[in-house]
Amino acid sequence: MNAFYAILFATALLLQEPQPTGIPASFSGTFKTAEHGRIVVEVEGGETMRMYVTHSTKYFRNGKPVKLSDFQNGDHVNVDAERDVRMNLVAVRVEAVKQPPNHPK
């Protein structure tokens, strides 16, 4: 019977939603897409970052709360993220911002 409870406990841990650990990070980039509980943001240098989103993730545009579905491919965004217990990035706050002006060299 103890093996049953051990398996049940392990399964519950695996199914648990990732919880942020409080290690903040901020990213600026271009919103690409939302896919299967994650967002994809292209950051400087063309690298792509995938971050989990949860029911606690907050979304903003022009200082007002919006839904994830209000973001479009190409929107410039600032993302505040934390690491969960599995060291995955979890987006805490996603905000659409105006594209910074390109300065010709």
N, C-alpha and C. Protein backbone atom coordinates (compact mmCIF):
# COMPACT_ATOMS: atom_id res chain seq x y z
N MET A 1 0.82 -1.19 0.00
CA MET A 1 0.00 0.00 0.00
C MET A 1 0.87 1.26 0.00
N ASN A 2 2.04 1.23 0.65
CA ASN A 2 2.93 2.38 0.67
C ASN A 2 3.42 2.74 -0.72
N ALA A 3 3.67 1.74 -1.57
CA ALA A 3 4.12 1.99 -2.94
C ALA A 3 3.03 2.74 -3.72
N PHE A 4 1.78 2.40 -3.46
CA PHE A 4 0.65 3.08 -4.11
C PHE A 4 0.66 4.56 -3.77
N TYR A 5 0.83 4.90 -2.50
CA TYR A 5 0.85 6.30 -2.07
C TYR A 5 2.07 7.03 -2.62
N ALA A 6 3.19 6.33 -2.72
CA ALA A 6 4.40 6.95 -3.28
C ALA A 6 4.18 7.29 -4.75
N ILE A 7 3.56 6.40 -5.49
CA ILE A 7 3.28 6.65 -6.91
C ILE A 7 2.25 7.76 -7.05
N LEU A 8 1.24 7.74 -6.21
CA LEU A 8 0.22 8.79 -6.24
C LEU A 8 0.84 10.16 -5.95
N PHE A 9 1.71 10.24 -4.97
CA PHE A 9 2.38 11.48 -4.61
C PHE A 9 3.28 11.96 -5.75
N ALA A 10 4.04 11.05 -6.35
CA ALA A 10 4.94 11.41 -7.45
C ALA A 10 4.14 11.91 -8.65
N THR A 11 3.02 11.29 -8.94
CA THR A 11 2.15 11.72 -10.04
C THR A 11 1.60 13.11 -9.77
N ALA A 12 1.18 13.37 -8.56
CA ALA A 12 0.65 14.68 -8.19
C ALA A 12 1.72 15.76 -8.37
N LEU A 13 2.96 15.46 -8.01
CA LEU A 13 4.05 16.42 -8.19
C LEU A 13 4.30 16.71 -9.67
N LEU A 14 4.24 15.69 -10.50
CA LEU A 14 4.47 15.87 -11.93
C LEU A 14 3.36 16.68 -12.59
N LEU A 15 2.14 16.53 -12.12
CA LEU A 15 1.00 17.22 -12.71
C LEU A 15 0.82 18.63 -12.15
N GLN A 16 1.54 18.94 -11.11
CA GLN A 16 1.42 20.25 -10.47
C GLN A 16 1.92 21.34 -11.41
N GLU A 17 1.21 22.45 -11.44
CA GLU A 17 1.61 23.60 -12.25
C GLU A 17 2.91 24.16 -11.72
N PRO A 18 3.86 24.50 -12.64
CA PRO A 18 5.12 25.06 -12.16
C PRO A 18 4.89 26.33 -11.35
N GLN A 19 5.56 26.45 -10.21
CA GLN A 19 5.43 27.61 -9.34
C GLN A 19 6.72 28.43 -9.40
N PRO A 20 6.62 29.74 -9.60
CA PRO A 20 7.81 30.58 -9.62
C PRO A 20 8.56 30.53 -8.30
N THR A 21 9.88 30.68 -8.37
CA THR A 21 10.70 30.64 -7.17
C THR A 21 11.11 32.02 -6.69
N GLY A 22 10.80 33.07 -7.44
CA GLY A 22 11.11 34.41 -6.99
C GLY A 22 12.41 34.97 -7.53
N ILE A 23 13.02 34.33 -8.52
CA ILE A 23 14.23 34.84 -9.12
C ILE A 23 13.84 35.64 -10.36
N PRO A 24 13.79 36.99 -10.27
CA PRO A 24 13.27 37.78 -11.37
C PRO A 24 14.27 37.95 -12.51
N ALA A 25 13.71 38.07 -13.71
CA ALA A 25 14.48 38.38 -14.91
C ALA A 25 13.57 39.18 -15.83
N SER A 26 14.15 40.09 -16.60
CA SER A 26 13.36 40.89 -17.53
C SER A 26 13.95 40.77 -18.92
N PHE A 27 13.05 40.69 -19.91
CA PHE A 27 13.46 40.55 -21.29
C PHE A 27 12.67 41.52 -22.15
N SER A 28 13.30 42.04 -23.17
CA SER A 28 12.62 42.84 -24.19
C SER A 28 12.80 42.11 -25.50
N GLY A 29 11.76 42.13 -26.31
CA GLY A 29 11.87 41.46 -27.59
C GLY A 29 10.60 41.58 -28.39
N THR A 30 10.47 40.70 -29.35
CA THR A 30 9.33 40.69 -30.25
C THR A 30 8.48 39.45 -29.98
N PHE A 31 7.20 39.69 -29.71
CA PHE A 31 6.27 38.58 -29.47
C PHE A 31 6.12 37.81 -30.77
N LYS A 32 6.26 36.51 -30.71
CA LYS A 32 6.10 35.67 -31.90
C LYS A 32 4.77 34.91 -31.87
N THR A 33 4.56 34.14 -30.80
CA THR A 33 3.34 33.32 -30.74
C THR A 33 3.12 32.81 -29.32
N ALA A 34 1.93 32.29 -29.12
CA ALA A 34 1.60 31.57 -27.89
C ALA A 34 1.30 30.13 -28.29
N GLU A 35 1.88 29.19 -27.59
CA GLU A 35 1.70 27.79 -27.95
C GLU A 35 1.70 26.90 -26.71
N HIS A 36 0.68 26.12 -26.53
CA HIS A 36 0.61 25.09 -25.48
C HIS A 36 1.09 25.56 -24.11
N GLY A 37 0.52 26.65 -23.61
CA GLY A 37 0.88 27.13 -22.29
C GLY A 37 2.19 27.87 -22.22
N ARG A 38 2.72 28.28 -23.37
CA ARG A 38 3.97 29.03 -23.41
C ARG A 38 3.85 30.19 -24.38
N ILE A 39 4.70 31.18 -24.19
CA ILE A 39 4.82 32.23 -25.19
C ILE A 39 6.22 32.12 -25.79
N VAL A 40 6.34 32.62 -27.02
CA VAL A 40 7.62 32.62 -27.70
C VAL A 40 7.96 34.08 -28.00
N VAL A 41 9.14 34.50 -27.54
CA VAL A 41 9.60 35.87 -27.72
C VAL A 41 10.98 35.82 -28.37
N GLU A 42 11.16 36.61 -29.43
CA GLU A 42 12.47 36.73 -30.06
C GLU A 42 13.20 37.89 -29.40
N VAL A 43 14.37 37.61 -28.83
CA VAL A 43 15.14 38.63 -28.14
C VAL A 43 16.30 39.08 -29.03
N GLU A 44 17.06 40.03 -28.53
CA GLU A 44 18.18 40.59 -29.30
C GLU A 44 19.09 39.48 -29.81
N GLY A 45 19.56 39.65 -31.01
CA GLY A 45 20.44 38.65 -31.60
C GLY A 45 19.68 37.55 -32.31
N GLY A 46 18.36 37.65 -32.36
CA GLY A 46 17.56 36.65 -33.06
C GLY A 46 17.30 35.37 -32.30
N GLU A 47 17.72 35.32 -31.03
CA GLU A 47 17.46 34.12 -30.24
C GLU A 47 15.98 34.06 -29.86
N THR A 48 15.45 32.86 -29.78
CA THR A 48 14.05 32.66 -29.43
C THR A 48 13.97 32.09 -28.02
N MET A 49 13.12 32.70 -27.20
CA MET A 49 12.92 32.22 -25.83
C MET A 49 11.48 31.73 -25.68
N ARG A 50 11.33 30.57 -25.10
CA ARG A 50 10.01 30.03 -24.78
C ARG A 50 9.86 30.09 -23.27
N MET A 51 8.73 30.71 -22.84
CA MET A 51 8.47 30.84 -21.41
C MET A 51 7.07 30.32 -21.13
N TYR A 52 6.93 29.64 -20.01
CA TYR A 52 5.61 29.17 -19.60
C TYR A 52 4.75 30.36 -19.19
N VAL A 53 3.45 30.24 -19.40
CA VAL A 53 2.48 31.18 -18.86
C VAL A 53 1.51 30.38 -17.99
N THR A 54 1.02 31.02 -16.93
CA THR A 54 0.09 30.35 -16.02
C THR A 54 -1.14 31.23 -15.86
N HIS A 55 -2.08 30.78 -15.08
CA HIS A 55 -3.27 31.58 -14.81
C HIS A 55 -2.91 32.86 -14.05
N SER A 56 -1.73 32.89 -13.45
CA SER A 56 -1.28 34.08 -12.71
C SER A 56 -0.55 35.10 -13.59
N THR A 57 -0.19 34.73 -14.80
CA THR A 57 0.52 35.65 -15.69
C THR A 57 -0.40 36.82 -16.02
N LYS A 58 0.13 38.04 -15.92
CA LYS A 58 -0.63 39.27 -16.22
C LYS A 58 -0.18 39.84 -17.55
N TYR A 59 -1.14 40.37 -18.32
CA TYR A 59 -0.87 40.92 -19.65
C TYR A 59 -1.35 42.37 -19.69
N PHE A 60 -0.53 43.25 -20.30
CA PHE A 60 -0.86 44.67 -20.35
C PHE A 60 -0.56 45.26 -21.73
N ARG A 61 -1.35 46.27 -22.09
CA ARG A 61 -1.12 47.08 -23.28
C ARG A 61 -1.59 48.49 -22.94
N ASN A 62 -0.75 49.49 -23.19
CA ASN A 62 -1.07 50.88 -22.86
C ASN A 62 -1.44 51.05 -21.38
N GLY A 63 -0.79 50.28 -20.51
CA GLY A 63 -1.03 50.38 -19.08
C GLY A 63 -2.31 49.73 -18.60
N LYS A 64 -3.05 49.10 -19.51
CA LYS A 64 -4.33 48.47 -19.13
C LYS A 64 -4.24 46.96 -19.29
N PRO A 65 -4.92 46.23 -18.40
CA PRO A 65 -4.92 44.77 -18.51
C PRO A 65 -5.59 44.31 -19.81
N VAL A 66 -4.99 43.31 -20.45
CA VAL A 66 -5.54 42.70 -21.65
C VAL A 66 -5.42 41.19 -21.54
N LYS A 67 -5.86 40.48 -22.56
CA LYS A 67 -5.76 39.02 -22.60
C LYS A 67 -4.58 38.62 -23.48
N LEU A 68 -4.09 37.42 -23.30
CA LEU A 68 -3.01 36.91 -24.12
C LEU A 68 -3.38 36.94 -25.59
N SER A 69 -4.65 36.67 -25.89
CA SER A 69 -5.10 36.66 -27.29
C SER A 69 -5.02 38.03 -27.96
N ASP A 70 -4.81 39.11 -27.17
CA ASP A 70 -4.68 40.45 -27.74
C ASP A 70 -3.28 40.72 -28.30
N PHE A 71 -2.34 39.83 -28.06
CA PHE A 71 -0.98 40.00 -28.58
C PHE A 71 -0.88 39.41 -29.98
N GLN A 72 -0.16 40.13 -30.84
CA GLN A 72 0.02 39.73 -32.23
C GLN A 72 1.50 39.48 -32.51
N ASN A 73 1.75 38.64 -33.50
CA ASN A 73 3.11 38.41 -33.96
C ASN A 73 3.71 39.75 -34.38
N GLY A 74 4.87 40.09 -33.83
CA GLY A 74 5.53 41.34 -34.16
C GLY A 74 5.40 42.42 -33.11
N ASP A 75 4.52 42.23 -32.12
CA ASP A 75 4.40 43.21 -31.04
C ASP A 75 5.70 43.25 -30.25
N HIS A 76 6.18 44.47 -29.95
CA HIS A 76 7.35 44.61 -29.09
C HIS A 76 6.86 44.46 -27.65
N VAL A 77 7.54 43.62 -26.87
CA VAL A 77 7.09 43.34 -25.51
C VAL A 77 8.24 43.40 -24.51
N ASN A 78 7.88 43.70 -23.28
CA ASN A 78 8.75 43.53 -22.12
C ASN A 78 8.15 42.42 -21.29
N VAL A 79 8.98 41.48 -20.89
CA VAL A 79 8.50 40.33 -20.13
C VAL A 79 9.29 40.22 -18.84
N ASP A 80 8.58 40.14 -17.72
CA ASP A 80 9.19 39.83 -16.43
C ASP A 80 8.93 38.35 -16.17
N ALA A 81 9.97 37.63 -15.84
CA ALA A 81 9.84 36.18 -15.66
C ALA A 81 10.58 35.73 -14.41
N GLU A 82 10.21 34.56 -13.95
CA GLU A 82 10.86 33.92 -12.80
C GLU A 82 11.14 32.47 -13.17
N ARG A 83 12.01 31.86 -12.42
CA ARG A 83 12.29 30.43 -12.59
C ARG A 83 11.38 29.65 -11.66
N ASP A 84 10.84 28.53 -12.17
CA ASP A 84 10.06 27.66 -11.30
C ASP A 84 11.00 26.65 -10.63
N VAL A 85 10.46 25.74 -9.86
CA VAL A 85 11.28 24.78 -9.13
C VAL A 85 12.06 23.86 -10.06
N ARG A 86 11.62 23.74 -11.30
CA ARG A 86 12.32 22.91 -12.30
C ARG A 86 13.27 23.76 -13.15
N MET A 87 13.43 25.04 -12.76
CA MET A 87 14.29 26.00 -13.44
C MET A 87 13.77 26.40 -14.83
N ASN A 88 12.48 26.21 -15.09
CA ASN A 88 11.85 26.69 -16.31
C ASN A 88 11.52 28.17 -16.13
N LEU A 89 11.56 28.94 -17.21
CA LEU A 89 11.13 30.33 -17.14
C LEU A 89 9.61 30.39 -17.15
N VAL A 90 9.05 31.17 -16.23
CA VAL A 90 7.61 31.38 -16.16
C VAL A 90 7.36 32.88 -16.27
N ALA A 91 6.62 33.29 -17.30
CA ALA A 91 6.31 34.70 -17.48
C ALA A 91 5.34 35.15 -16.39
N VAL A 92 5.69 36.21 -15.68
CA VAL A 92 4.85 36.76 -14.64
C VAL A 92 4.05 37.94 -15.17
N ARG A 93 4.71 38.75 -16.02
CA ARG A 93 4.09 39.96 -16.56
C ARG A 93 4.56 40.14 -18.00
N VAL A 94 3.62 40.34 -18.91
CA VAL A 94 3.93 40.58 -20.32
C VAL A 94 3.26 41.89 -20.70
N GLU A 95 4.06 42.84 -21.20
CA GLU A 95 3.51 44.14 -21.55
C GLU A 95 3.93 44.52 -22.97
N ALA A 96 2.93 44.87 -23.79
CA ALA A 96 3.20 45.39 -25.13
C ALA A 96 3.68 46.82 -24.98
N VAL A 97 4.78 47.15 -25.64
CA VAL A 97 5.33 48.51 -25.57
C VAL A 97 5.56 49.01 -26.99
N LYS A 98 5.66 50.33 -27.12
CA LYS A 98 5.93 50.90 -28.43
C LYS A 98 7.33 50.49 -28.87
N GLN A 99 7.45 50.22 -30.16
CA GLN A 99 8.73 49.84 -30.74
C GLN A 99 9.72 50.99 -30.58
N PRO A 100 10.90 50.72 -30.01
CA PRO A 100 11.87 51.80 -29.89
C PRO A 100 12.33 52.24 -31.27
N PRO A 101 12.62 53.54 -31.47
CA PRO A 101 13.03 54.01 -32.78
C PRO A 101 14.37 53.42 -33.19
N ASN A 102 14.50 53.10 -34.48
CA ASN A 102 15.76 52.62 -35.01
C ASN A 102 16.65 53.82 -35.29
N HIS A 103 17.85 53.80 -34.75
CA HIS A 103 18.79 54.89 -34.96
C HIS A 103 19.78 54.48 -36.04
N PRO A 104 19.72 55.14 -37.21
CA PRO A 104 20.69 54.76 -38.25
C PRO A 104 22.12 55.10 -37.81
N LYS A 105 23.03 54.27 -38.22
CA LYS A 105 24.44 54.49 -37.86
C LYS A 105 25.18 55.17 -38.96
